[in-house]
């Protein structure tokens, strides 16, 4: 299942890359992409585990970039 989020509060492209790498380490996530310019986070995961993985993504973002907020598109 493809998930797309608006990501707000990233300071730089390097932060986006580091956050993308951290999110990719979550079990069950495939094809993670963060675009600093368009403020988009896109990732794919198994539909049955979608809500659990979204919660894990939010925890990783809070840990890595506490001021960043995401909202589902």
PDB file of N, CA and C in Angstrom:
ATOM      1  N   UNK A   1       0.843  -1.169   0.000  1.00  0.00           N
ATOM      2  CA  UNK A   1       0.000   0.000   0.000  1.00  0.00           C
ATOM      3  C   UNK A   1       0.889   1.233   0.000  1.00  0.00           C
ATOM      4  N   UNK A   2       0.562   2.188  -0.854  1.00  0.00           N
ATOM      5  CA  UNK A   2       1.341   3.422  -0.960  1.00  0.00           C
ATOM      6  C   UNK A   2       0.760   4.468  -0.007  1.00  0.00           C
ATOM      7  N   UNK A   3       1.637   5.094   0.770  1.00  0.00           N
ATOM      8  CA  UNK A   3       1.251   6.143   1.709  1.00  0.00           C
ATOM      9  C   UNK A   3       1.967   7.429   1.329  1.00  0.00           C
ATOM     10  N   UNK A   4       1.228   8.531   1.302  1.00  0.00           N
ATOM     11  CA  UNK A   4       1.799   9.828   0.975  1.00  0.00           C
ATOM     12  C   UNK A   4       1.435  10.814   2.079  1.00  0.00           C
ATOM     13  N   UNK A   5       2.447  11.529   2.564  1.00  0.00           N
ATOM     14  CA  UNK A   5       2.261  12.494   3.638  1.00  0.00           C
ATOM     15  C   UNK A   5       2.902  13.829   3.262  1.00  0.00           C
ATOM     16  N   UNK A   6       2.305  14.899   3.733  1.00  0.00           N
ATOM     17  CA  UNK A   6       2.916  16.225   3.691  1.00  0.00           C
ATOM     18  C   UNK A   6       3.815  16.283   4.913  1.00  0.00           C
ATOM     19  N   UNK A   7       5.062  16.695   4.730  1.00  0.00           N
ATOM     20  CA  UNK A   7       6.011  16.733   5.838  1.00  0.00           C
ATOM     21  C   UNK A   7       6.437  18.185   6.044  1.00  0.00           C
ATOM     22  N   UNK A   8       6.221  18.688   7.240  1.00  0.00           N
ATOM     23  CA  UNK A   8       6.474  20.104   7.536  1.00  0.00           C
ATOM     24  C   UNK A   8       7.536  20.240   8.615  1.00  0.00           C
ATOM     25  N   UNK A   9       8.409  21.218   8.439  1.00  0.00           N
ATOM     26  CA  UNK A   9       9.382  21.531   9.479  1.00  0.00           C
ATOM     27  C   UNK A   9      10.781  21.007   9.247  1.00  0.00           C
ATOM     28  N   UNK A  10      11.037  20.372   8.116  1.00  0.00           N
ATOM     29  CA  UNK A  10      12.403  19.915   7.827  1.00  0.00           C
ATOM     30  C   UNK A  10      13.282  21.128   7.529  1.00  0.00           C
ATOM     31  N   UNK A  11      14.466  21.158   8.120  1.00  0.00           N
ATOM     32  CA  UNK A  11      15.355  22.304   7.974  1.00  0.00           C
ATOM     33  C   UNK A  11      16.205  22.273   6.715  1.00  0.00           C
ATOM     34  N   UNK A  12      16.557  21.070   6.252  1.00  0.00           N
ATOM     35  CA  UNK A  12      17.466  21.002   5.105  1.00  0.00           C
ATOM     36  C   UNK A  12      17.344  19.659   4.393  1.00  0.00           C
ATOM     37  N   UNK A  13      17.924  19.589   3.214  1.00  0.00           N
ATOM     38  CA  UNK A  13      17.890  18.360   2.430  1.00  0.00           C
ATOM     39  C   UNK A  13      18.658  17.239   3.124  1.00  0.00           C
ATOM     40  N   UNK A  14      19.722  17.569   3.847  1.00  0.00           N
ATOM     41  CA  UNK A  14      20.488  16.564   4.576  1.00  0.00           C
ATOM     42  C   UNK A  14      19.627  15.922   5.670  1.00  0.00           C
ATOM     43  N   UNK A  15      18.825  16.746   6.348  1.00  0.00           N
ATOM     44  CA  UNK A  15      17.901  16.218   7.366  1.00  0.00           C
ATOM     45  C   UNK A  15      16.900  15.257   6.722  1.00  0.00           C
ATOM     46  N   UNK A  16      16.425  15.611   5.550  1.00  0.00           N
ATOM     47  CA  UNK A  16      15.480  14.755   4.828  1.00  0.00           C
ATOM     48  C   UNK A  16      16.115  13.411   4.505  1.00  0.00           C
ATOM     49  N   UNK A  17      17.358  13.426   4.061  1.00  0.00           N
ATOM     50  CA  UNK A  17      18.067  12.190   3.728  1.00  0.00           C
ATOM     51  C   UNK A  17      18.266  11.327   4.965  1.00  0.00           C
ATOM     52  N   UNK A  18      18.668  11.934   6.072  1.00  0.00           N
ATOM     53  CA  UNK A  18      18.866  11.177   7.305  1.00  0.00           C
ATOM     54  C   UNK A  18      17.554  10.575   7.807  1.00  0.00           C
ATOM     55  N   UNK A  19      16.483  11.346   7.710  1.00  0.00           N
ATOM     56  CA  UNK A  19      15.176  10.856   8.132  1.00  0.00           C
ATOM     57  C   UNK A  19      14.696   9.723   7.224  1.00  0.00           C
ATOM     58  N   UNK A  20      14.913   9.876   5.933  1.00  0.00           N
ATOM     59  CA  UNK A  20      14.548   8.832   4.969  1.00  0.00           C
ATOM     60  C   UNK A  20      15.269   7.529   5.298  1.00  0.00           C
ATOM     61  N   UNK A  21      16.568   7.625   5.587  1.00  0.00           N
ATOM     62  CA  UNK A  21      17.352   6.431   5.930  1.00  0.00           C
ATOM     63  C   UNK A  21      16.830   5.773   7.207  1.00  0.00           C
ATOM     64  N   UNK A  22      16.455   6.566   8.190  1.00  0.00           N
ATOM     65  CA  UNK A  22      15.932   6.017   9.451  1.00  0.00           C
ATOM     66  C   UNK A  22      14.592   5.318   9.225  1.00  0.00           C
ATOM     67  N   UNK A  23      13.733   5.917   8.397  1.00  0.00           N
ATOM     68  CA  UNK A  23      12.418   5.321   8.123  1.00  0.00           C
ATOM     69  C   UNK A  23      12.567   4.020   7.344  1.00  0.00           C
ATOM     70  N   UNK A  24      13.519   3.957   6.429  1.00  0.00           N
ATOM     71  CA  UNK A  24      13.727   2.750   5.624  1.00  0.00           C
ATOM     72  C   UNK A  24      14.110   1.548   6.468  1.00  0.00           C
ATOM     73  N   UNK A  25      14.624   1.772   7.666  1.00  0.00           N
ATOM     74  CA  UNK A  25      15.037   0.676   8.539  1.00  0.00           C
ATOM     75  C   UNK A  25      13.859   0.002   9.246  1.00  0.00           C
ATOM     76  N   UNK A  26      12.671   0.616   9.176  1.00  0.00           N
ATOM     77  CA  UNK A  26      11.494   0.029   9.813  1.00  0.00           C
ATOM     78  C   UNK A  26      11.096  -1.233   9.044  1.00  0.00           C
ATOM     79  N   UNK A  27      10.906  -2.314   9.784  1.00  0.00           N
ATOM     80  CA  UNK A  27      10.534  -3.578   9.155  1.00  0.00           C
ATOM     81  C   UNK A  27       9.184  -3.452   8.462  1.00  0.00           C
ATOM     82  N   UNK A  28       9.127  -3.882   7.202  1.00  0.00           N
ATOM     83  CA  UNK A  28       7.888  -3.860   6.440  1.00  0.00           C
ATOM     84  C   UNK A  28       7.757  -2.686   5.480  1.00  0.00           C
ATOM     85  N   UNK A  29       8.690  -1.748   5.560  1.00  0.00           N
ATOM     86  CA  UNK A  29       8.640  -0.575   4.671  1.00  0.00           C
ATOM     87  C   UNK A  29       9.459  -0.848   3.425  1.00  0.00           C
ATOM     88  N   UNK A  30       8.906  -0.396   2.283  1.00  0.00           N
ATOM     89  CA  UNK A  30       9.609  -0.496   1.003  1.00  0.00           C
ATOM     90  C   UNK A  30       9.536   0.863   0.313  1.00  0.00           C
ATOM     91  N   UNK A  31      10.509   1.157  -0.508  1.00  0.00           N
ATOM     92  CA  UNK A  31      10.486   2.322  -1.400  1.00  0.00           C
ATOM     93  C   UNK A  31      10.185   3.635  -0.691  1.00  0.00           C
ATOM     94  N   UNK A  32      10.967   3.962   0.322  1.00  0.00           N
ATOM     95  CA  UNK A  32      10.785   5.218   1.035  1.00  0.00           C
ATOM     96  C   UNK A  32      11.428   6.357   0.266  1.00  0.00           C
ATOM     97  N   UNK A  33      10.726   7.495   0.242  1.00  0.00           N
ATOM     98  CA  UNK A  33      11.247   8.676  -0.434  1.00  0.00           C
ATOM     99  C   UNK A  33      10.765   9.929   0.296  1.00  0.00           C
ATOM    100  N   UNK A  34      11.713  10.824   0.619  1.00  0.00           N
ATOM    101  CA  UNK A  34      11.368  12.126   1.174  1.00  0.00           C
ATOM    102  C   UNK A  34      11.921  13.179   0.235  1.00  0.00           C
ATOM    103  N   UNK A  35      11.058  14.085  -0.194  1.00  0.00           N
ATOM    104  CA  UNK A  35      11.484  15.201  -1.023  1.00  0.00           C
ATOM    105  C   UNK A  35      11.452  16.471  -0.179  1.00  0.00           C
ATOM    106  N   UNK A  36      12.619  17.054   0.040  1.00  0.00           N
ATOM    107  CA  UNK A  36      12.715  18.292   0.808  1.00  0.00           C
ATOM    108  C   UNK A  36      12.019  19.436   0.073  1.00  0.00           C
ATOM    109  N   UNK A  37      12.175  19.469  -1.250  1.00  0.00           N
ATOM    110  CA  UNK A  37      11.616  20.565  -2.046  1.00  0.00           C
ATOM    111  C   UNK A  37      10.084  20.555  -2.071  1.00  0.00           C
ATOM    112  N   UNK A  38       9.478  19.394  -2.222  1.00  0.00           N
ATOM    113  CA  UNK A  38       8.015  19.320  -2.299  1.00  0.00           C
ATOM    114  C   UNK A  38       7.376  19.009  -0.956  1.00  0.00           C
ATOM    115  N   UNK A  39       8.202  18.791   0.067  1.00  0.00           N
ATOM    116  CA  UNK A  39       7.737  18.446   1.414  1.00  0.00           C
ATOM    117  C   UNK A  39       6.823  17.220   1.407  1.00  0.00           C
ATOM    118  N   UNK A  40       7.295  16.170   0.754  1.00  0.00           N
ATOM    119  CA  UNK A  40       6.505  14.931   0.654  1.00  0.00           C
ATOM    120  C   UNK A  40       7.293  13.739   1.185  1.00  0.00           C
ATOM    121  N   UNK A  41       6.584  12.893   1.900  1.00  0.00           N
ATOM    122  CA  UNK A  41       7.092  11.601   2.344  1.00  0.00           C
ATOM    123  C   UNK A  41       6.213  10.548   1.688  1.00  0.00           C
ATOM    124  N   UNK A  42       6.839   9.609   0.980  1.00  0.00           N
ATOM    125  CA  UNK A  42       6.106   8.528   0.333  1.00  0.00           C
ATOM    126  C   UNK A  42       6.792   7.220   0.707  1.00  0.00           C
ATOM    127  N   UNK A  43       5.991   6.241   1.099  1.00  0.00           N
ATOM    128  CA  UNK A  43       6.537   4.905   1.346  1.00  0.00           C
ATOM    129  C   UNK A  43       5.461   3.874   1.056  1.00  0.00           C
ATOM    130  N   UNK A  44       5.915   2.652   0.838  1.00  0.00           N
ATOM    131  CA  UNK A  44       5.007   1.531   0.599  1.00  0.00           C
ATOM    132  C   UNK A  44       5.181   0.514   1.713  1.00  0.00           C
ATOM    133  N   UNK A  45       4.060  -0.136   2.050  1.00  0.00           N
ATOM    134  CA  UNK A  45       4.109  -1.195   3.050  1.00  0.00           C
ATOM    135  C   UNK A  45       2.927  -2.134   2.824  1.00  0.00           C
ATOM    136  N   UNK A  46       2.947  -3.236   3.539  1.00  0.00           N
ATOM    137  CA  UNK A  46       1.879  -4.232   3.475  1.00  0.00           C
ATOM    138  C   UNK A  46       0.599  -3.618   4.050  1.00  0.00           C
ATOM    139  N   UNK A  47      -0.507  -3.773   3.351  1.00  0.00           N
ATOM    140  CA  UNK A  47      -1.778  -3.158   3.762  1.00  0.00           C
ATOM    141  C   UNK A  47      -2.238  -3.626   5.144  1.00  0.00           C
ATOM    142  N   UNK A  48      -2.014  -4.898   5.480  1.00  0.00           N
ATOM    143  CA  UNK A  48      -2.449  -5.413   6.770  1.00  0.00           C
ATOM    144  C   UNK A  48      -1.724  -4.747   7.941  1.00  0.00           C
ATOM    145  N   UNK A  49      -0.507  -4.301   7.722  1.00  0.00           N
ATOM    146  CA  UNK A  49       0.291  -3.684   8.784  1.00  0.00           C
ATOM    147  C   UNK A  49       0.382  -2.163   8.634  1.00  0.00           C
ATOM    148  N   UNK A  50      -0.426  -1.591   7.776  1.00  0.00           N
ATOM    149  CA  UNK A  50      -0.314  -0.177   7.435  1.00  0.00           C
ATOM    150  C   UNK A  50      -0.387   0.748   8.658  1.00  0.00           C
ATOM    151  N   UNK A  51      -1.402   0.602   9.500  1.00  0.00           N
ATOM    152  CA  UNK A  51      -1.558   1.496  10.658  1.00  0.00           C
ATOM    153  C   UNK A  51      -0.390   1.355  11.639  1.00  0.00           C
ATOM    154  N   UNK A  52       0.044   0.128  11.869  1.00  0.00           N
ATOM    155  CA  UNK A  52       1.168  -0.118  12.770  1.00  0.00           C
ATOM    156  C   UNK A  52       2.435   0.551  12.230  1.00  0.00           C
ATOM    157  N   UNK A  53       2.663   0.428  10.948  1.00  0.00           N
ATOM    158  CA  UNK A  53       3.859   1.008  10.343  1.00  0.00           C
ATOM    159  C   UNK A  53       3.785   2.538  10.354  1.00  0.00           C
ATOM    160  N   UNK A  54       2.619   3.106  10.093  1.00  0.00           N
ATOM    161  CA  UNK A  54       2.473   4.559  10.158  1.00  0.00           C
ATOM    162  C   UNK A  54       2.818   5.056  11.562  1.00  0.00           C
ATOM    163  N   UNK A  55       2.374   4.355  12.580  1.00  0.00           N
ATOM    164  CA  UNK A  55       2.705   4.735  13.960  1.00  0.00           C
ATOM    165  C   UNK A  55       4.204   4.647  14.213  1.00  0.00           C
ATOM    166  N   UNK A  56       4.853   3.631  13.658  1.00  0.00           N
ATOM    167  CA  UNK A  56       6.298   3.502  13.808  1.00  0.00           C
ATOM    168  C   UNK A  56       7.017   4.642  13.089  1.00  0.00           C
ATOM    169  N   UNK A  57       6.525   5.022  11.913  1.00  0.00           N
ATOM    170  CA  UNK A  57       7.110   6.138  11.161  1.00  0.00           C
ATOM    171  C   UNK A  57       7.019   7.416  11.992  1.00  0.00           C
ATOM    172  N   UNK A  58       5.879   7.648  12.602  1.00  0.00           N
ATOM    173  CA  UNK A  58       5.700   8.843  13.435  1.00  0.00           C
ATOM    174  C   UNK A  58       6.668   8.851  14.607  1.00  0.00           C
ATOM    175  N   UNK A  59       6.902   7.684  15.224  1.00  0.00           N
ATOM    176  CA  UNK A  59       7.843   7.590  16.342  1.00  0.00           C
ATOM    177  C   UNK A  59       9.267   7.886  15.889  1.00  0.00           C
ATOM    178  N   UNK A  60       9.651   7.363  14.723  1.00  0.00           N
ATOM    179  CA  UNK A  60      10.997   7.609  14.194  1.00  0.00           C
ATOM    180  C   UNK A  60      11.174   9.097  13.899  1.00  0.00           C
ATOM    181  N   UNK A  61      10.164   9.710  13.303  1.00  0.00           N
ATOM    182  CA  UNK A  61      10.243  11.137  12.993  1.00  0.00           C
ATOM    183  C   UNK A  61      10.374  11.944  14.279  1.00  0.00           C
ATOM    184  N   UNK A  62       9.584  11.612  15.287  1.00  0.00           N
ATOM    185  CA  UNK A  62       9.645  12.328  16.570  1.00  0.00           C
ATOM    186  C   UNK A  62      11.016  12.188  17.214  1.00  0.00           C
ATOM    187  N   UNK A  63      11.614  11.013  17.103  1.00  0.00           N
ATOM    188  CA  UNK A  63      12.937  10.764  17.685  1.00  0.00           C
ATOM    189  C   UNK A  63      14.031  11.498  16.904  1.00  0.00           C
ATOM    190  N   UNK A  64      13.991  11.413  15.574  1.00  0.00           N
ATOM    191  CA  UNK A  64      15.049  11.965  14.733  1.00  0.00           C
ATOM    192  C   UNK A  64      14.917  13.477  14.514  1.00  0.00           C
ATOM    193  N   UNK A  65      13.699  13.943  14.307  1.00  0.00           N
ATOM    194  CA  UNK A  65      13.426  15.360  14.007  1.00  0.00           C
ATOM    195  C   UNK A  65      12.187  15.778  14.796  1.00  0.00           C
ATOM    196  N   UNK A  66      12.349  16.117  16.074  1.00  0.00           N
ATOM    197  CA  UNK A  66      11.195  16.357  16.955  1.00  0.00           C
ATOM    198  C   UNK A  66      10.240  17.468  16.501  1.00  0.00           C
ATOM    199  N   UNK A  67      10.705  18.405  15.690  1.00  0.00           N
ATOM    200  CA  UNK A  67       9.854  19.523  15.278  1.00  0.00           C
ATOM    201  C   UNK A  67       9.124  19.280  13.955  1.00  0.00           C
ATOM    202  N   UNK A  68       9.372  18.135  13.354  1.00  0.00           N
ATOM    203  CA  UNK A  68       8.746  17.807  12.070  1.00  0.00           C
ATOM    204  C   UNK A  68       7.361  17.207  12.312  1.00  0.00           C
ATOM    205  N   UNK A  69       6.407  17.646  11.516  1.00  0.00           N
ATOM    206  CA  UNK A  69       5.043  17.143  11.584  1.00  0.00           C
ATOM    207  C   UNK A  69       4.667  16.544  10.234  1.00  0.00           C
ATOM    208  N   UNK A  70       3.840  15.484  10.254  1.00  0.00           N
ATOM    209  CA  UNK A  70       3.358  14.910   8.993  1.00  0.00           C
ATOM    210  C   UNK A  70       1.844  14.850   9.029  1.00  0.00           C
ATOM    211  N   UNK A  71       1.251  14.964   7.855  1.00  0.00           N
ATOM    212  CA  UNK A  71      -0.194  14.781   7.718  1.00  0.00           C
ATOM    213  C   UNK A  71      -0.472  14.033   6.434  1.00  0.00           C
ATOM    214  N   UNK A  72      -1.413  13.114   6.514  1.00  0.00           N
ATOM    215  CA  UNK A  72      -1.782  12.242   5.394  1.00  0.00           C
ATOM    216  C   UNK A  72      -2.367  13.070   4.253  1.00  0.00           C
ATOM    217  N   UNK A  73      -1.952  12.736   3.045  1.00  0.00           N
ATOM    218  CA  UNK A  73      -2.505  13.394   1.847  1.00  0.00           C
ATOM    219  C   UNK A  73      -3.470  12.442   1.187  1.00  0.00           C
TER     220      UNK A  73
END
